[in-house]
Amino acid sequence: AAAAAAAAADVAAAADAASAKAEREEAEAELQRKKQERKRMRAVQVEENRRVREATDREEKEENERRRDEARADRAREVEADFYRREAERAREQEEYYSKREDRFQDWWRQRFEEAFAEMEAEYEERYQEWQEEDERRQEEERENSAVGYVTTAEYDAHYHILGSLEAAAPGTLREIDFSWPPEDNLLLLSEEDTVEEKSKKGYRGMRVFHPDKFQQKYTTRLHPDEKDAVMARVTEVSKGVIQQYKQYKIG
């Protein structure tokens, strides 16, 4: 009985030992499983963190590229706007420069023309002064012995209307006969009712119209080549007579 009890105790002890060992092994297996699970979870977390970082980096990179593209586009627009602004400013400055230069040229040309005309008139005046004095004396004698062929206001207006219309003639077509020439005894086209002031005004107009240079400027390209010299010679003669009569009736 004692031996049986001892054997039973050994069996029970062996069973307890086996059970304890099984529990230990199970505990160790559980611990290893939990370690593996924690390791897997850490790996998952690391991978998730990596993906998040990559996604964040990619988004940041895309955002940075977008901002750079926008910055480049803004800069390009600014450069383009600045270019057109400078071009507009340069065009305006050039326009102002050429406008001022044109004004200066016109002023210079006007001054030179007035000076040249004044010099020409002075030279013309001096050249014919002695001749005019003698001719005026002779004409005075002739006027005393002959009556002036006066014209009417309508004839006066028609004379200058014809001259004005000839300014539109075709080049190279005008002959001497086409012009309205004042009569030799009344080069100023005076009427019997003219006052001294009106005679002076008519003389001034005739002197301007039949001045050789002014006449040539208006009609030289329209004169027939075969009669250009004859026409200008007659203009010179008429101009001389007009100046003589203008001096006679000039006021002041």
Protein backbone atom coordinates (compact mmCIF):
# COMPACT_ATOMS: atom_id res chain seq x y z
CA ALA A 1 0.00 0.00 0.00
CA ALA A 2 2.81 2.38 0.77
CA ALA A 3 4.51 1.50 -2.47
CA ALA A 4 1.33 2.11 -4.40
CA ALA A 5 0.87 5.40 -2.71
CA ALA A 6 4.40 6.35 -3.54
CA ALA A 7 3.94 5.33 -7.14
CA ALA A 8 0.74 7.30 -7.37
CA ALA A 9 2.52 10.28 -5.88
CA ASP A 10 5.29 9.94 -8.47
CA VAL A 11 2.77 9.75 -11.25
CA ALA A 12 0.99 12.77 -9.91
CA ALA A 13 4.27 14.60 -9.57
CA ALA A 14 5.23 13.61 -13.10
CA ALA A 15 1.85 14.73 -14.34
CA ASP A 16 2.23 18.05 -12.52
CA ALA A 17 5.69 18.46 -13.92
CA ALA A 18 4.45 17.70 -17.43
CA SER A 19 1.56 20.06 -16.98
CA ALA A 20 3.86 22.79 -15.68
CA LYS A 21 6.21 22.21 -18.58
CA ALA A 22 3.35 22.37 -21.02
CA GLU A 23 2.16 25.57 -19.41
CA ARG A 24 5.65 27.02 -19.59
CA GLU A 25 6.01 26.04 -23.21
CA GLU A 26 2.60 27.44 -23.96
CA ALA A 27 3.52 30.64 -22.15
CA GLU A 28 6.76 30.88 -24.06
CA ALA A 29 4.94 30.19 -27.32
CA GLU A 30 2.42 32.91 -26.46
CA LEU A 31 5.24 35.25 -25.59
CA GLN A 32 6.99 34.46 -28.87
CA ARG A 33 3.70 34.96 -30.74
CA LYS A 34 3.19 38.31 -29.06
CA LYS A 35 6.77 39.28 -29.89
CA GLN A 36 6.24 38.28 -33.47
CA GLU A 37 2.95 40.20 -33.52
CA ARG A 38 4.62 43.29 -32.02
CA LYS A 39 7.45 42.94 -34.53
CA ARG A 40 4.97 42.61 -37.36
CA MET A 41 2.98 45.58 -36.08
CA ARG A 42 6.17 47.63 -35.87
CA ALA A 43 7.05 46.59 -39.41
CA VAL A 44 3.54 47.53 -40.54
CA GLN A 45 3.82 50.86 -38.73
CA VAL A 46 7.25 51.51 -40.23
CA GLU A 47 5.92 50.70 -43.70
CA GLU A 48 2.88 52.89 -43.12
CA ASN A 49 5.11 55.69 -41.88
CA ARG A 50 7.32 55.26 -44.94
CA ARG A 51 4.34 55.42 -47.27
CA VAL A 52 3.03 58.46 -45.44
CA ARG A 53 6.44 60.14 -45.67
CA GLU A 54 6.73 59.27 -49.35
CA ALA A 55 3.22 60.58 -49.99
CA THR A 56 3.97 63.72 -47.98
CA ASP A 57 7.28 64.19 -49.76
CA ARG A 58 5.60 63.65 -53.12
CA GLU A 59 2.86 66.15 -52.30
CA GLU A 60 5.41 68.65 -51.05
CA LYS A 61 7.48 68.13 -54.19
CA GLU A 62 4.41 68.55 -56.40
CA GLU A 63 3.38 71.63 -54.43
CA ASN A 64 6.86 73.09 -54.71
CA GLU A 65 6.93 72.39 -58.45
CA ARG A 66 3.49 73.96 -58.81
CA ARG A 67 4.64 77.01 -56.89
CA ARG A 68 7.79 77.22 -58.99
CA ASP A 69 5.72 76.93 -62.16
CA GLU A 70 3.38 79.66 -60.93
CA ALA A 71 6.35 81.81 -59.94
CA ARG A 72 7.93 81.29 -63.36
CA ALA A 73 4.61 82.09 -65.05
CA ASP A 74 4.17 85.22 -62.92
CA ARG A 75 7.73 86.28 -63.71
CA ALA A 76 7.19 85.65 -67.40
CA ARG A 77 4.03 87.77 -67.31
CA GLU A 78 5.87 90.52 -65.45
CA VAL A 79 8.74 90.41 -67.94
CA GLU A 80 6.31 90.49 -70.86
CA ALA A 81 4.31 93.34 -69.33
CA ASP A 82 7.52 95.23 -68.58
CA PHE A 83 8.71 94.67 -72.17
CA TYR A 84 5.52 96.04 -73.68
CA ARG A 85 5.52 98.91 -71.19
CA ARG A 86 9.09 99.81 -72.18
CA GLU A 87 8.24 99.44 -75.85
CA ALA A 88 5.22 101.74 -75.43
CA GLU A 89 7.36 104.25 -73.55
CA ARG A 90 10.05 104.06 -76.21
CA ALA A 91 7.48 104.53 -78.96
CA ARG A 92 6.03 107.54 -77.13
CA GLU A 93 9.49 109.04 -76.66
CA GLN A 94 10.30 108.48 -80.32
CA GLU A 95 7.01 110.07 -81.32
CA GLU A 96 7.72 113.07 -79.11
CA TYR A 97 11.28 113.28 -80.45
CA TYR A 98 10.23 113.19 -84.10
CA SER A 99 7.36 115.59 -83.42
CA LYS A 100 9.72 118.07 -81.77
CA ARG A 101 12.29 117.58 -84.53
CA GLU A 102 9.58 118.17 -87.14
CA ASP A 103 8.47 121.32 -85.31
CA ARG A 104 12.06 122.54 -85.13
CA PHE A 105 12.58 121.76 -88.81
CA GLN A 106 9.39 123.60 -89.76
CA ASP A 107 10.39 126.58 -87.63
CA TRP A 108 13.85 126.54 -89.19
CA TRP A 109 12.45 126.20 -92.68
CA ARG A 110 9.89 128.96 -92.09
CA GLN A 111 12.58 131.25 -90.73
CA ARG A 112 14.92 130.48 -93.63
CA PHE A 113 12.10 131.04 -96.12
CA GLU A 114 11.16 134.36 -94.53
CA GLU A 115 14.80 135.43 -94.41
CA ALA A 116 15.37 134.37 -98.01
CA PHE A 117 12.19 136.10 -99.13
CA ALA A 118 13.18 139.26 -97.27
CA GLU A 119 16.66 139.15 -98.79
CA MET A 120 15.20 138.54 -102.22
CA GLU A 121 12.75 141.41 -101.85
CA ALA A 122 15.52 143.70 -100.64
CA GLU A 123 17.75 142.68 -103.53
CA TYR A 124 14.88 143.01 -105.96
CA GLU A 125 14.03 146.39 -104.52
CA GLU A 126 17.59 147.63 -104.76
CA ARG A 127 18.07 146.22 -108.26
CA TYR A 128 15.11 148.06 -109.69
CA GLN A 129 15.15 151.15 -107.52
CA GLU A 130 16.87 153.43 -110.03
CA TRP A 131 14.95 151.94 -112.89
CA GLN A 132 11.68 152.30 -111.02
CA GLU A 133 12.29 155.94 -110.21
CA GLU A 134 12.94 156.73 -113.83
CA ASP A 135 10.11 154.54 -115.04
CA GLU A 136 7.68 155.99 -112.49
CA ARG A 137 8.48 159.46 -113.80
CA ARG A 138 7.90 158.26 -117.35
CA GLN A 139 4.70 156.45 -116.40
CA GLU A 140 3.46 159.52 -114.59
CA GLU A 141 3.90 161.45 -117.77
CA GLU A 142 2.14 158.71 -119.72
CA ARG A 143 -0.74 158.60 -117.22
CA GLU A 144 -1.18 162.31 -117.60
CA ASN A 145 -1.45 161.85 -121.37
CA SER A 146 -3.58 158.71 -121.44
CA ALA A 147 -6.57 157.33 -119.54
CA VAL A 148 -6.36 154.03 -117.61
CA GLY A 149 -8.43 151.13 -118.94
CA TYR A 150 -10.39 150.46 -115.76
CA VAL A 151 -12.01 147.08 -115.09
CA THR A 152 -15.16 146.13 -113.20
CA THR A 153 -15.27 144.18 -109.93
CA ALA A 154 -16.61 141.17 -111.82
CA GLU A 155 -13.71 141.30 -114.29
CA TYR A 156 -11.24 141.61 -111.39
CA ASP A 157 -12.72 138.57 -109.63
CA ALA A 158 -12.86 136.56 -112.86
CA HIS A 159 -9.19 137.30 -113.56
CA TYR A 160 -7.98 135.79 -110.26
CA HIS A 161 -10.55 132.99 -110.40
CA ILE A 162 -9.04 131.83 -113.70
CA LEU A 163 -5.53 131.95 -112.27
CA GLY A 164 -6.65 129.96 -109.23
CA SER A 165 -8.36 127.31 -111.35
CA LEU A 166 -5.19 126.78 -113.38
CA GLU A 167 -3.41 125.50 -110.25
CA ALA A 168 -5.28 122.22 -110.76
CA ALA A 169 -4.25 121.83 -114.41
CA ALA A 170 -2.53 118.65 -115.55
CA PRO A 171 1.29 118.73 -115.66
CA GLY A 172 2.84 120.06 -118.89
CA THR A 173 -0.44 121.36 -120.40
CA LEU A 174 -0.58 125.11 -119.73
CA ARG A 175 0.37 127.55 -122.47
CA GLU A 176 0.78 131.31 -122.39
CA ILE A 177 -2.64 131.86 -123.89
CA ASP A 178 -4.32 129.89 -121.08
CA PHE A 179 -3.40 132.49 -118.43
CA SER A 180 -5.43 135.56 -117.61
CA TRP A 181 -2.92 138.40 -118.11
CA PRO A 182 -3.71 141.90 -116.83
CA PRO A 183 -3.79 144.65 -119.46
CA GLU A 184 -0.53 146.55 -119.86
CA ASP A 185 -2.14 149.88 -119.02
CA ASN A 186 -3.82 148.52 -115.86
CA LEU A 187 -1.64 145.75 -114.39
CA LEU A 188 -3.31 146.10 -110.97
CA LEU A 189 -6.77 145.68 -112.50
CA LEU A 190 -7.97 148.94 -110.94
CA SER A 191 -11.56 150.07 -111.12
CA GLU A 192 -12.63 153.66 -111.42
CA GLU A 193 -14.16 153.62 -107.92
CA ASP A 194 -11.06 152.27 -106.11
CA THR A 195 -9.75 154.27 -103.19
CA VAL A 196 -6.03 154.72 -102.61
CA GLU A 197 -6.13 151.96 -99.98
CA GLU A 198 -7.96 149.59 -102.36
CA LYS A 199 -5.40 150.31 -105.07
CA SER A 200 -2.63 149.50 -102.61
CA LYS A 201 -4.28 146.20 -101.68
CA LYS A 202 -4.73 145.25 -105.32
CA GLY A 203 -1.11 146.11 -105.96
CA TYR A 204 0.03 143.91 -103.08
CA ARG A 205 -2.06 141.02 -104.37
CA GLY A 206 -0.74 141.41 -107.91
CA MET A 207 2.85 141.57 -106.66
CA ARG A 208 2.40 138.31 -104.76
CA VAL A 209 0.63 136.49 -107.61
CA PHE A 210 3.08 137.53 -110.34
CA HIS A 211 6.25 137.27 -108.28
CA PRO A 212 8.43 135.01 -110.49
CA ASP A 213 9.42 132.62 -107.69
CA LYS A 214 5.88 132.26 -106.32
CA PHE A 215 4.44 131.92 -109.80
CA GLN A 216 6.98 129.24 -110.64
CA GLN A 217 6.20 127.30 -107.45
CA LYS A 218 2.52 127.13 -108.43
CA TYR A 219 2.69 126.53 -112.18
CA THR A 220 6.18 125.39 -113.25
CA THR A 221 5.26 121.68 -113.40
CA ARG A 222 2.01 122.50 -115.25
CA LEU A 223 3.61 124.62 -117.99
CA HIS A 224 4.07 123.19 -121.45
CA PRO A 225 7.83 122.59 -121.94
CA ASP A 226 7.84 124.52 -125.25
CA GLU A 227 6.37 127.67 -123.65
CA LYS A 228 7.83 127.61 -120.15
CA ASP A 229 10.52 130.21 -120.95
CA ALA A 230 8.08 132.49 -122.73
CA VAL A 231 5.58 132.33 -119.87
CA MET A 232 8.22 133.07 -117.20
CA ALA A 233 9.60 135.96 -119.30
CA ARG A 234 6.14 137.50 -119.47
CA VAL A 235 5.62 136.92 -115.74
CA THR A 236 8.84 138.81 -115.06
CA GLU A 237 7.69 141.75 -117.18
CA VAL A 238 4.26 141.79 -115.52
CA SER A 239 5.91 141.58 -112.10
CA LYS A 240 8.03 144.64 -112.88
CA GLY A 241 5.00 146.64 -113.90
CA VAL A 242 2.97 145.48 -110.91
CA ILE A 243 5.75 146.55 -108.55
CA GLN A 244 5.91 149.98 -110.16
CA GLN A 245 2.20 150.57 -109.78
CA TYR A 246 2.20 149.07 -106.30
CA LYS A 247 4.85 151.59 -105.22
CA GLN A 248 2.69 154.34 -106.62
CA TYR A 249 -0.43 153.42 -104.62
CA LYS A 250 1.18 151.91 -101.50
CA ILE A 251 0.02 153.60 -98.28
CA GLY A 252 2.55 154.70 -95.69
